[in-house]
Protein backbone atom coordinates (compact mmCIF):
# COMPACT_ATOMS: atom_id res chain seq x y z
CA UNK A 1 86.44 99.33 88.22
CA UNK A 2 86.75 98.71 91.97
CA UNK A 3 85.57 95.09 91.99
CA UNK A 4 87.05 94.10 88.65
CA UNK A 5 87.59 90.35 88.69
CA UNK A 6 88.45 87.96 91.44
CA UNK A 7 91.61 89.81 92.43
CA UNK A 8 89.58 92.91 93.26
CA UNK A 9 87.15 90.98 95.42
CA UNK A 10 89.91 89.03 97.18
CA UNK A 11 91.92 92.19 97.75
CA UNK A 12 88.91 93.92 99.30
CA UNK A 13 88.22 90.90 101.54
CA UNK A 14 91.86 90.84 102.64
CA UNK A 15 91.76 94.59 103.33
CA UNK A 16 88.61 94.17 105.43
CA UNK A 17 90.24 91.31 107.37
CA UNK A 18 93.31 93.47 108.01
CA UNK A 19 91.03 96.19 109.34
CA UNK A 20 89.25 93.68 111.62
CA UNK A 21 92.58 92.47 113.03
CA UNK A 22 93.70 96.06 113.59
CA UNK A 23 90.47 96.97 115.43
CA UNK A 24 90.64 93.76 117.47
CA UNK A 25 94.23 94.41 118.57
CA UNK A 26 93.52 98.03 119.46
CA UNK A 27 90.43 96.99 121.40
CA UNK A 28 92.48 94.59 123.55
CA UNK A 29 94.21 97.63 125.02
CA UNK A 30 90.92 98.88 126.49
CA UNK A 31 90.01 96.55 129.39
CA UNK A 32 86.32 97.50 129.40
CA UNK A 33 85.91 96.41 125.78
CA UNK A 34 87.29 92.89 126.28
CA UNK A 35 83.99 91.62 127.62
CA UNK A 36 81.75 93.22 125.00
CA UNK A 37 79.97 90.92 122.56
CA UNK A 38 81.42 92.70 119.52
CA UNK A 39 84.94 92.11 120.87
CA UNK A 40 84.23 88.41 121.40
CA UNK A 41 82.90 88.23 117.85
CA UNK A 42 86.04 89.89 116.50
CA UNK A 43 88.09 87.46 118.57
CA UNK A 44 86.26 84.50 117.06
CA UNK A 45 87.04 85.87 113.60
CA UNK A 46 90.66 86.95 114.17
CA UNK A 47 92.12 84.61 116.79
CA UNK A 48 92.32 81.44 114.65
CA UNK A 49 94.46 83.27 112.10
CA UNK A 50 96.55 85.04 114.76
CA UNK A 51 97.17 81.76 116.61
CA UNK A 52 98.97 80.39 113.55
CA UNK A 53 101.52 83.17 113.89
CA UNK A 54 101.66 82.91 117.69
CA UNK A 55 102.89 79.35 117.28
CA UNK A 56 105.67 80.61 115.00
CA UNK A 57 106.56 83.70 117.06
CA UNK A 58 105.38 83.34 120.66
CA UNK A 59 104.73 86.48 122.71
CA UNK A 60 107.72 87.80 124.63
CA UNK A 61 106.49 89.13 127.96
CA UNK A 62 103.74 91.63 127.22
CA UNK A 63 104.75 92.06 123.57
CA UNK A 64 102.90 90.01 120.96
CA UNK A 65 104.28 90.50 117.48
CA UNK A 66 101.94 88.00 115.84
CA UNK A 67 99.35 90.59 114.71
CA UNK A 68 102.02 92.60 112.88
CA UNK A 69 103.40 89.49 111.19
CA UNK A 70 99.88 88.29 110.35
CA UNK A 71 98.98 91.64 108.77
CA UNK A 72 102.27 91.70 106.88
CA UNK A 73 101.52 88.23 105.49
CA UNK A 74 98.08 89.40 104.35
CA UNK A 75 99.56 92.49 102.68
CA UNK A 76 102.09 90.32 100.83
CA UNK A 77 99.35 87.92 99.70
CA UNK A 78 97.18 90.82 98.57
CA UNK A 79 100.03 92.32 96.56
CA UNK A 80 100.81 88.94 94.99
CA UNK A 81 97.16 88.54 93.97
CA UNK A 82 97.14 92.00 92.42
CA UNK A 83 100.37 91.29 90.55
CA UNK A 84 99.23 87.92 89.23
CA UNK A 85 95.75 89.23 88.53
CA UNK A 86 94.02 86.23 90.08
């Protein structure tokens, strides 16, 4: 079953959050979208988590690796939850 147990629900929530981060990062490349309300909402959801990784790996020039590291961390956590079955 798709939502079997807590691990299924947590995995789905993590997958949705990964998707939100991905959409947010892609939307930052389109200048017209930066001032849309949906983009500000995504920023309010994603930026607190991304800022944790920006403190660890600050942007170098125009390259910000924090979203990739943040998504990688979420994937690792999701896999650990699936393995443990929590």
